[in-house]
N, C-alpha and C. Protein backbone atom coordinates (compact mmCIF):
# COMPACT_ATOMS: atom_id res chain seq x y z
N UNK A 1 36.58 40.80 15.91
CA UNK A 1 36.03 39.93 16.94
C UNK A 1 34.51 39.83 16.84
N UNK A 2 33.85 40.93 16.43
CA UNK A 2 32.40 40.90 16.29
C UNK A 2 31.98 39.93 15.20
N UNK A 3 32.81 39.81 14.16
CA UNK A 3 32.52 38.88 13.07
C UNK A 3 32.46 37.44 13.54
N UNK A 4 33.32 37.10 14.48
CA UNK A 4 33.35 35.73 15.01
C UNK A 4 32.07 35.47 15.81
N UNK A 5 31.63 36.43 16.61
CA UNK A 5 30.40 36.27 17.37
C UNK A 5 29.20 36.15 16.45
N UNK A 6 29.18 36.94 15.39
CA UNK A 6 28.08 36.85 14.42
C UNK A 6 28.08 35.48 13.75
N UNK A 7 29.25 35.00 13.37
CA UNK A 7 29.36 33.68 12.74
C UNK A 7 28.88 32.59 13.69
N UNK A 8 29.28 32.65 14.95
CA UNK A 8 28.84 31.66 15.94
C UNK A 8 27.33 31.72 16.15
N UNK A 9 26.77 32.92 16.16
CA UNK A 9 25.33 33.05 16.32
C UNK A 9 24.59 32.44 15.13
N UNK A 10 25.08 32.71 13.92
CA UNK A 10 24.46 32.13 12.72
C UNK A 10 24.57 30.61 12.73
N UNK A 11 25.71 30.08 13.13
CA UNK A 11 25.87 28.63 13.21
C UNK A 11 24.95 28.02 14.25
N UNK A 12 24.79 28.68 15.38
CA UNK A 12 23.89 28.17 16.43
C UNK A 12 22.44 28.15 15.96
N UNK A 13 22.00 29.21 15.30
CA UNK A 13 20.63 29.28 14.78
C UNK A 13 20.43 28.22 13.70
N UNK A 14 21.40 28.06 12.83
CA UNK A 14 21.31 27.05 11.77
C UNK A 14 21.22 25.65 12.37
N UNK A 15 22.02 25.36 13.37
CA UNK A 15 21.99 24.04 14.02
C UNK A 15 20.65 23.80 14.68
N UNK A 16 20.11 24.82 15.35
CA UNK A 16 18.80 24.68 16.00
C UNK A 16 17.71 24.41 14.97
N UNK A 17 17.73 25.13 13.86
CA UNK A 17 16.74 24.91 12.81
C UNK A 17 16.88 23.52 12.19
N UNK A 18 18.09 23.05 12.02
CA UNK A 18 18.31 21.72 11.46
C UNK A 18 17.76 20.64 12.39
N UNK A 19 17.98 20.79 13.68
CA UNK A 19 17.45 19.82 14.66
C UNK A 19 15.93 19.85 14.65
N UNK A 20 15.34 21.04 14.63
CA UNK A 20 13.88 21.17 14.59
C UNK A 20 13.32 20.50 13.33
N UNK A 21 13.94 20.77 12.18
CA UNK A 21 13.45 20.20 10.92
C UNK A 21 13.54 18.68 10.94
N UNK A 22 14.62 18.15 11.45
CA UNK A 22 14.82 16.70 11.52
C UNK A 22 13.76 16.04 12.41
N UNK A 23 13.40 16.70 13.50
CA UNK A 23 12.42 16.13 14.43
C UNK A 23 11.00 16.22 13.93
N UNK A 24 10.67 17.23 13.12
CA UNK A 24 9.28 17.41 12.69
C UNK A 24 8.99 16.88 11.29
N UNK A 25 9.98 16.67 10.46
CA UNK A 25 9.75 16.23 9.09
C UNK A 25 9.20 14.81 9.07
N UNK A 26 8.07 14.62 8.44
CA UNK A 26 7.47 13.30 8.31
C UNK A 26 6.62 12.87 9.48
N UNK A 27 6.43 13.72 10.48
CA UNK A 27 5.60 13.37 11.63
C UNK A 27 4.13 13.47 11.28
N UNK A 28 3.37 12.46 11.66
CA UNK A 28 1.93 12.49 11.44
C UNK A 28 1.28 13.31 12.54
N UNK A 29 0.49 14.29 12.12
CA UNK A 29 -0.19 15.15 13.07
C UNK A 29 -1.68 15.19 12.76
N UNK A 30 -2.46 15.41 13.79
CA UNK A 30 -3.89 15.58 13.57
C UNK A 30 -4.15 16.87 12.82
N UNK A 31 -5.17 16.85 12.00
CA UNK A 31 -5.56 18.09 11.34
C UNK A 31 -6.18 19.01 12.39
N UNK A 32 -6.31 20.28 12.07
CA UNK A 32 -6.82 21.25 13.04
C UNK A 32 -8.22 20.89 13.52
N UNK A 33 -9.08 20.44 12.63
CA UNK A 33 -10.45 20.11 13.02
C UNK A 33 -10.47 18.93 13.98
N UNK A 34 -9.66 17.91 13.72
CA UNK A 34 -9.61 16.74 14.59
C UNK A 34 -9.04 17.12 15.96
N UNK A 35 -7.98 17.93 15.97
CA UNK A 35 -7.38 18.36 17.24
C UNK A 35 -8.38 19.17 18.06
N UNK A 36 -9.17 20.02 17.40
CA UNK A 36 -10.17 20.83 18.09
C UNK A 36 -11.24 19.94 18.73
N UNK A 37 -11.70 18.92 18.00
CA UNK A 37 -12.69 18.00 18.54
C UNK A 37 -12.11 17.24 19.73
N UNK A 38 -10.84 16.82 19.63
CA UNK A 38 -10.20 16.10 20.73
C UNK A 38 -10.09 16.99 21.97
N UNK A 39 -9.72 18.27 21.78
CA UNK A 39 -9.64 19.19 22.92
C UNK A 39 -11.02 19.39 23.55
N UNK A 40 -12.04 19.57 22.72
CA UNK A 40 -13.39 19.76 23.24
C UNK A 40 -13.86 18.52 24.00
N UNK A 41 -13.51 17.34 23.49
CA UNK A 41 -13.89 16.10 24.16
C UNK A 41 -13.22 16.01 25.52
N UNK A 42 -11.94 16.41 25.60
CA UNK A 42 -11.23 16.37 26.88
C UNK A 42 -11.83 17.38 27.86
N UNK A 43 -12.22 18.55 27.37
CA UNK A 43 -12.78 19.59 28.23
C UNK A 43 -14.18 19.24 28.71
N UNK A 44 -14.91 18.45 27.94
CA UNK A 44 -16.30 18.13 28.29
C UNK A 44 -16.48 16.64 28.54
N UNK A 45 -15.47 16.00 29.10
CA UNK A 45 -15.52 14.55 29.31
C UNK A 45 -16.68 14.14 30.21
N UNK A 46 -17.03 14.99 31.18
CA UNK A 46 -18.11 14.64 32.09
C UNK A 46 -19.49 14.85 31.47
N UNK A 47 -19.55 15.47 30.29
CA UNK A 47 -20.83 15.77 29.66
C UNK A 47 -21.45 14.55 28.98
N UNK A 48 -20.74 13.44 28.91
CA UNK A 48 -21.30 12.25 28.27
C UNK A 48 -20.42 11.80 27.13
N UNK A 49 -20.92 10.80 26.38
CA UNK A 49 -20.10 10.27 25.30
C UNK A 49 -19.89 11.29 24.17
N UNK A 50 -18.68 11.29 23.65
CA UNK A 50 -18.32 12.19 22.55
C UNK A 50 -17.80 11.34 21.42
N UNK A 51 -18.12 11.71 20.20
CA UNK A 51 -17.66 10.95 19.04
C UNK A 51 -16.14 10.97 18.96
N UNK A 52 -15.57 9.91 18.43
CA UNK A 52 -14.13 9.83 18.23
C UNK A 52 -13.70 10.95 17.31
N UNK A 53 -12.56 11.61 17.59
CA UNK A 53 -12.12 12.73 16.75
C UNK A 53 -12.02 12.38 15.27
N UNK A 54 -11.68 11.14 14.94
CA UNK A 54 -11.55 10.77 13.54
C UNK A 54 -12.87 10.89 12.80
N UNK A 55 -13.97 10.85 13.54
CA UNK A 55 -15.28 10.95 12.89
C UNK A 55 -15.54 12.33 12.32
N UNK A 56 -14.73 13.31 12.67
CA UNK A 56 -14.97 14.67 12.22
C UNK A 56 -14.03 15.12 11.13
N UNK A 57 -13.00 14.35 10.83
CA UNK A 57 -12.15 14.52 9.68
C UNK A 57 -11.67 15.89 9.28
N UNK A 58 -11.48 16.08 7.97
CA UNK A 58 -10.89 17.28 7.36
C UNK A 58 -11.67 18.53 7.72
N UNK A 59 -10.97 19.68 7.76
CA UNK A 59 -11.60 20.95 8.11
C UNK A 59 -12.88 21.18 7.32
N UNK A 60 -12.86 20.90 6.02
CA UNK A 60 -14.03 21.11 5.17
C UNK A 60 -14.98 19.93 5.24
N UNK A 61 -14.62 18.92 6.02
CA UNK A 61 -15.41 17.71 6.18
C UNK A 61 -15.78 17.09 4.83
N UNK A 62 -14.86 17.20 3.89
CA UNK A 62 -15.16 16.69 2.57
C UNK A 62 -14.71 15.25 2.40
N UNK A 63 -15.46 14.54 1.59
CA UNK A 63 -15.17 13.16 1.27
C UNK A 63 -14.22 13.16 0.08
N UNK A 64 -13.01 12.65 0.26
CA UNK A 64 -12.01 12.64 -0.80
C UNK A 64 -12.06 11.36 -1.63
N UNK A 65 -13.03 10.48 -1.36
CA UNK A 65 -13.13 9.25 -2.14
C UNK A 65 -13.34 9.49 -3.63
N UNK A 66 -14.16 10.49 -4.04
CA UNK A 66 -14.31 10.72 -5.49
C UNK A 66 -12.98 11.02 -6.18
N UNK A 67 -12.09 11.75 -5.51
CA UNK A 67 -10.77 12.02 -6.07
C UNK A 67 -9.99 10.73 -6.26
N UNK A 68 -10.03 9.88 -5.28
CA UNK A 68 -9.29 8.62 -5.33
C UNK A 68 -9.82 7.76 -6.48
N UNK A 69 -11.13 7.69 -6.61
CA UNK A 69 -11.72 6.88 -7.68
C UNK A 69 -11.43 7.49 -9.05
N UNK A 70 -11.30 8.82 -9.12
CA UNK A 70 -10.99 9.48 -10.39
C UNK A 70 -9.58 9.14 -10.86
N UNK A 71 -8.69 8.78 -9.94
CA UNK A 71 -7.33 8.39 -10.33
C UNK A 71 -7.25 6.93 -10.73
N UNK A 72 -8.39 6.22 -10.69
CA UNK A 72 -8.40 4.81 -11.07
C UNK A 72 -8.07 3.89 -9.92
N UNK A 73 -8.04 4.39 -8.70
CA UNK A 73 -7.72 3.59 -7.52
C UNK A 73 -8.96 3.41 -6.67
N UNK A 74 -8.89 2.50 -5.74
CA UNK A 74 -9.97 2.27 -4.80
C UNK A 74 -9.54 2.70 -3.40
N UNK A 75 -10.43 3.36 -2.69
CA UNK A 75 -10.18 3.74 -1.30
C UNK A 75 -10.26 2.49 -0.43
N UNK A 76 -9.55 2.51 0.69
CA UNK A 76 -9.60 1.39 1.62
C UNK A 76 -10.90 1.40 2.41
N UNK A 77 -11.31 0.23 2.87
CA UNK A 77 -12.54 0.13 3.67
C UNK A 77 -12.39 0.86 5.00
N UNK A 78 -11.23 0.70 5.62
CA UNK A 78 -11.02 1.26 6.95
C UNK A 78 -10.18 2.52 6.92
N UNK A 79 -9.26 2.63 5.96
CA UNK A 79 -8.40 3.82 5.88
C UNK A 79 -7.74 3.86 4.51
N UNK A 80 -7.35 5.08 4.11
CA UNK A 80 -6.62 5.27 2.86
C UNK A 80 -5.43 6.17 3.15
N UNK A 81 -4.26 5.76 2.66
CA UNK A 81 -3.05 6.56 2.76
C UNK A 81 -2.89 7.29 1.43
N UNK A 82 -3.25 8.57 1.40
CA UNK A 82 -3.24 9.37 0.18
C UNK A 82 -1.94 10.16 0.14
N UNK A 83 -1.08 9.83 -0.83
CA UNK A 83 0.25 10.43 -0.92
C UNK A 83 0.31 11.38 -2.11
N UNK A 84 0.72 12.62 -1.87
CA UNK A 84 0.96 13.60 -2.93
C UNK A 84 2.45 13.61 -3.22
N UNK A 85 2.81 13.34 -4.50
CA UNK A 85 4.20 13.22 -4.91
C UNK A 85 4.46 14.07 -6.14
N UNK A 86 5.73 14.20 -6.47
CA UNK A 86 6.12 14.84 -7.72
C UNK A 86 7.18 13.96 -8.39
N UNK A 87 7.40 14.19 -9.67
CA UNK A 87 8.24 13.30 -10.47
C UNK A 87 9.69 13.24 -10.00
N UNK A 88 10.26 14.35 -9.61
CA UNK A 88 11.69 14.38 -9.28
C UNK A 88 11.96 14.40 -7.78
N UNK A 89 11.08 13.84 -7.00
CA UNK A 89 11.17 13.86 -5.55
C UNK A 89 11.70 12.52 -5.04
N UNK A 90 12.94 12.50 -4.57
CA UNK A 90 13.53 11.26 -4.06
C UNK A 90 12.82 10.75 -2.80
N UNK A 91 12.49 11.61 -1.83
CA UNK A 91 11.77 11.10 -0.66
C UNK A 91 10.39 10.54 -1.02
N UNK A 92 9.82 10.98 -2.14
CA UNK A 92 8.51 10.47 -2.56
C UNK A 92 8.59 8.97 -2.88
N UNK A 93 9.68 8.55 -3.50
CA UNK A 93 9.84 7.14 -3.84
C UNK A 93 9.98 6.29 -2.58
N UNK A 94 10.73 6.78 -1.61
CA UNK A 94 10.87 6.05 -0.35
C UNK A 94 9.54 6.02 0.41
N UNK A 95 8.82 7.13 0.37
CA UNK A 95 7.51 7.18 1.03
C UNK A 95 6.54 6.20 0.38
N UNK A 96 6.60 6.10 -0.93
CA UNK A 96 5.74 5.16 -1.66
C UNK A 96 5.99 3.73 -1.18
N UNK A 97 7.26 3.36 -0.99
CA UNK A 97 7.60 2.02 -0.51
C UNK A 97 7.06 1.81 0.91
N UNK A 98 7.27 2.79 1.79
CA UNK A 98 6.82 2.66 3.18
C UNK A 98 5.31 2.52 3.25
N UNK A 99 4.59 3.40 2.56
CA UNK A 99 3.13 3.36 2.62
C UNK A 99 2.58 2.12 1.94
N UNK A 100 3.22 1.67 0.87
CA UNK A 100 2.81 0.43 0.21
C UNK A 100 2.96 -0.76 1.14
N UNK A 101 4.07 -0.82 1.89
CA UNK A 101 4.28 -1.89 2.86
C UNK A 101 3.21 -1.86 3.96
N UNK A 102 2.91 -0.67 4.45
CA UNK A 102 1.89 -0.53 5.50
C UNK A 102 0.54 -0.99 4.98
N UNK A 103 0.18 -0.61 3.76
CA UNK A 103 -1.10 -1.01 3.18
C UNK A 103 -1.18 -2.53 3.01
N UNK A 104 -0.06 -3.16 2.64
CA UNK A 104 -0.04 -4.61 2.50
C UNK A 104 -0.18 -5.32 3.85
N UNK A 105 0.42 -4.73 4.89
CA UNK A 105 0.39 -5.35 6.22
C UNK A 105 -0.94 -5.17 6.93
N UNK A 106 -1.69 -4.13 6.58
CA UNK A 106 -2.89 -3.78 7.33
C UNK A 106 -4.14 -4.03 6.50
N UNK A 107 -4.98 -4.96 6.91
CA UNK A 107 -6.20 -5.22 6.14
C UNK A 107 -7.14 -4.01 6.15
N UNK A 108 -7.75 -3.75 5.00
CA UNK A 108 -8.70 -2.64 4.90
C UNK A 108 -8.06 -1.29 4.65
N UNK A 109 -6.73 -1.27 4.46
CA UNK A 109 -6.02 -0.01 4.22
C UNK A 109 -5.48 -0.01 2.80
N UNK A 110 -5.69 1.08 2.07
CA UNK A 110 -5.19 1.21 0.71
C UNK A 110 -4.21 2.37 0.63
N UNK A 111 -3.26 2.28 -0.30
CA UNK A 111 -2.30 3.36 -0.55
C UNK A 111 -2.58 3.90 -1.94
N UNK A 112 -2.78 5.22 -2.04
CA UNK A 112 -3.04 5.87 -3.32
C UNK A 112 -2.04 7.01 -3.48
N UNK A 113 -1.36 7.02 -4.63
CA UNK A 113 -0.39 8.08 -4.91
C UNK A 113 -0.99 9.02 -5.95
N UNK A 114 -0.92 10.34 -5.68
CA UNK A 114 -1.45 11.36 -6.58
C UNK A 114 -0.30 12.27 -7.00
N UNK A 115 -0.22 12.53 -8.30
CA UNK A 115 0.80 13.44 -8.82
C UNK A 115 0.39 14.87 -8.51
N UNK A 116 1.16 15.55 -7.67
CA UNK A 116 0.82 16.91 -7.25
C UNK A 116 0.83 17.89 -8.42
N UNK A 117 1.72 17.69 -9.36
CA UNK A 117 1.82 18.61 -10.50
C UNK A 117 0.61 18.54 -11.41
N UNK A 118 -0.02 17.39 -11.51
CA UNK A 118 -1.20 17.22 -12.37
C UNK A 118 -2.49 17.62 -11.69
N UNK A 119 -2.44 17.82 -10.39
CA UNK A 119 -3.64 18.13 -9.61
C UNK A 119 -3.44 19.39 -8.77
N UNK A 120 -3.01 20.47 -9.41
CA UNK A 120 -2.68 21.70 -8.68
C UNK A 120 -3.87 22.30 -7.96
N UNK A 121 -5.07 22.21 -8.54
CA UNK A 121 -6.24 22.77 -7.87
C UNK A 121 -6.51 22.04 -6.55
N UNK A 122 -6.38 20.73 -6.56
CA UNK A 122 -6.56 19.94 -5.34
C UNK A 122 -5.45 20.23 -4.33
N UNK A 123 -4.22 20.36 -4.82
CA UNK A 123 -3.09 20.67 -3.94
C UNK A 123 -3.34 21.99 -3.22
N UNK A 124 -3.82 22.97 -3.94
CA UNK A 124 -4.12 24.27 -3.32
C UNK A 124 -5.27 24.16 -2.33
N UNK A 125 -6.32 23.45 -2.72
CA UNK A 125 -7.50 23.33 -1.86
C UNK A 125 -7.17 22.63 -0.54
N UNK A 126 -6.27 21.65 -0.59
CA UNK A 126 -5.92 20.89 0.61
C UNK A 126 -4.69 21.44 1.33
N UNK A 127 -4.15 22.56 0.84
CA UNK A 127 -2.98 23.20 1.45
C UNK A 127 -1.77 22.27 1.52
N UNK A 128 -1.49 21.60 0.41
CA UNK A 128 -0.30 20.76 0.31
C UNK A 128 0.86 21.69 -0.04
N UNK A 129 1.84 21.81 0.84
CA UNK A 129 2.93 22.76 0.66
C UNK A 129 4.22 22.13 0.17
N UNK A 130 4.38 20.81 0.34
CA UNK A 130 5.61 20.16 -0.11
C UNK A 130 5.31 18.71 -0.44
N UNK A 131 6.21 18.11 -1.19
CA UNK A 131 6.07 16.69 -1.48
C UNK A 131 7.25 15.97 -0.85
N UNK A 132 7.05 14.80 -0.32
CA UNK A 132 5.78 14.10 -0.21
C UNK A 132 4.95 14.63 0.96
N UNK A 133 3.65 14.65 0.76
CA UNK A 133 2.71 14.89 1.85
C UNK A 133 1.74 13.72 1.85
N UNK A 134 1.53 13.16 3.02
CA UNK A 134 0.65 12.01 3.16
C UNK A 134 -0.56 12.42 4.00
N UNK A 135 -1.75 12.11 3.49
CA UNK A 135 -2.98 12.31 4.24
C UNK A 135 -3.51 10.94 4.63
N UNK A 136 -3.88 10.77 5.88
CA UNK A 136 -4.51 9.54 6.33
C UNK A 136 -6.01 9.83 6.37
N UNK A 137 -6.75 9.09 5.55
CA UNK A 137 -8.20 9.27 5.47
C UNK A 137 -8.89 8.13 6.20
N UNK A 138 -9.96 8.43 6.89
CA UNK A 138 -10.72 7.39 7.57
C UNK A 138 -11.57 6.63 6.54
N UNK A 139 -12.38 5.70 7.00
CA UNK A 139 -13.20 4.89 6.11
C UNK A 139 -14.24 5.68 5.35
N UNK A 140 -14.53 6.89 5.81
CA UNK A 140 -15.50 7.76 5.14
C UNK A 140 -14.84 8.72 4.17
N UNK A 141 -13.51 8.63 4.04
CA UNK A 141 -12.79 9.48 3.10
C UNK A 141 -12.44 10.85 3.64
N UNK A 142 -12.50 11.04 4.95
CA UNK A 142 -12.17 12.32 5.57
C UNK A 142 -10.77 12.29 6.17
N UNK A 143 -10.06 13.39 6.03
CA UNK A 143 -8.69 13.49 6.53
C UNK A 143 -8.68 13.51 8.05
N UNK A 144 -7.84 12.64 8.63
CA UNK A 144 -7.69 12.64 10.09
C UNK A 144 -6.26 12.93 10.53
N UNK A 145 -5.28 12.56 9.70
CA UNK A 145 -3.88 12.82 10.01
C UNK A 145 -3.16 13.29 8.75
N UNK A 146 -2.04 13.99 8.95
CA UNK A 146 -1.26 14.50 7.83
C UNK A 146 0.21 14.49 8.21
N UNK A 147 1.07 14.17 7.22
CA UNK A 147 2.52 14.23 7.41
C UNK A 147 3.13 14.91 6.20
N UNK A 148 3.90 15.95 6.44
CA UNK A 148 4.66 16.60 5.37
C UNK A 148 6.08 16.10 5.49
N UNK A 149 6.55 15.41 4.47
CA UNK A 149 7.86 14.78 4.51
C UNK A 149 7.70 13.28 4.53
N UNK A 150 8.82 12.59 4.69
CA UNK A 150 8.80 11.13 4.64
C UNK A 150 8.48 10.55 6.01
N UNK A 151 7.31 9.92 6.16
CA UNK A 151 6.95 9.32 7.46
C UNK A 151 7.69 8.01 7.68
N UNK A 152 7.83 7.63 8.92
CA UNK A 152 8.47 6.37 9.28
C UNK A 152 7.41 5.27 9.38
N UNK A 153 7.77 4.07 8.99
CA UNK A 153 6.82 2.96 8.93
C UNK A 153 6.16 2.69 10.27
N UNK A 154 6.94 2.63 11.33
CA UNK A 154 6.39 2.34 12.66
C UNK A 154 5.41 3.43 13.09
N UNK A 155 5.72 4.67 12.76
CA UNK A 155 4.84 5.77 13.12
C UNK A 155 3.53 5.70 12.36
N UNK A 156 3.58 5.33 11.09
CA UNK A 156 2.36 5.21 10.28
C UNK A 156 1.48 4.09 10.84
N UNK A 157 2.08 2.95 11.14
CA UNK A 157 1.31 1.84 11.71
C UNK A 157 0.67 2.23 13.04
N UNK A 158 1.44 2.90 13.88
CA UNK A 158 0.92 3.33 15.18
C UNK A 158 -0.21 4.34 15.02
N UNK A 159 -0.02 5.30 14.14
CA UNK A 159 -1.03 6.33 13.92
C UNK A 159 -2.32 5.73 13.35
N UNK A 160 -2.19 4.78 12.45
CA UNK A 160 -3.38 4.11 11.91
C UNK A 160 -4.14 3.41 13.01
N UNK A 161 -3.41 2.72 13.88
CA UNK A 161 -4.05 2.01 14.98
C UNK A 161 -4.78 2.93 15.92
N UNK A 162 -4.19 4.06 16.23
CA UNK A 162 -4.79 5.00 17.18
C UNK A 162 -5.94 5.79 16.59
N UNK A 163 -5.76 6.30 15.38
CA UNK A 163 -6.70 7.28 14.84
C UNK A 163 -7.83 6.68 14.01
N UNK A 164 -7.57 5.62 13.30
CA UNK A 164 -8.55 5.17 12.32
C UNK A 164 -9.08 3.77 12.58
N UNK A 165 -8.22 2.86 12.94
CA UNK A 165 -8.61 1.47 13.00
C UNK A 165 -9.17 1.04 14.35
N UNK A 166 -9.22 1.96 15.29
CA UNK A 166 -9.73 1.55 16.62
C UNK A 166 -11.23 1.49 16.65
């Protein structure tokens, strides 16, 4: 009888983890630096005008445009959808289609795909843990949003509107 309870417990935990993974995979989230600026802005709203969180970008505040240009691509004027992919990744191909469609629909937005296997030093530096991973860069080439997994088209369009194009 104890075996049945153990089996039920394992099934319940597995189901909970599957639901959690399904809900979080591909969600665009603010990077830690952007979230911190947004929290500080909310806490000090009465102190006067505060810069938009997107203006503070990636934790290292680094400009990723040189990387994009090194791949033979051009960064977007207003935003760049930087996708890290690998050769045998099926969700990467679907993500490429979604991000390509978004870039075509949105003026000033470019989609750039980077092979994660060929750029391991960059993957490590940016803490890319799985493919596909999409970074949304502002017009200055700084990371403002990130999605690990396949993002949904409507969510990407909405996130671009809120974080970068406003």
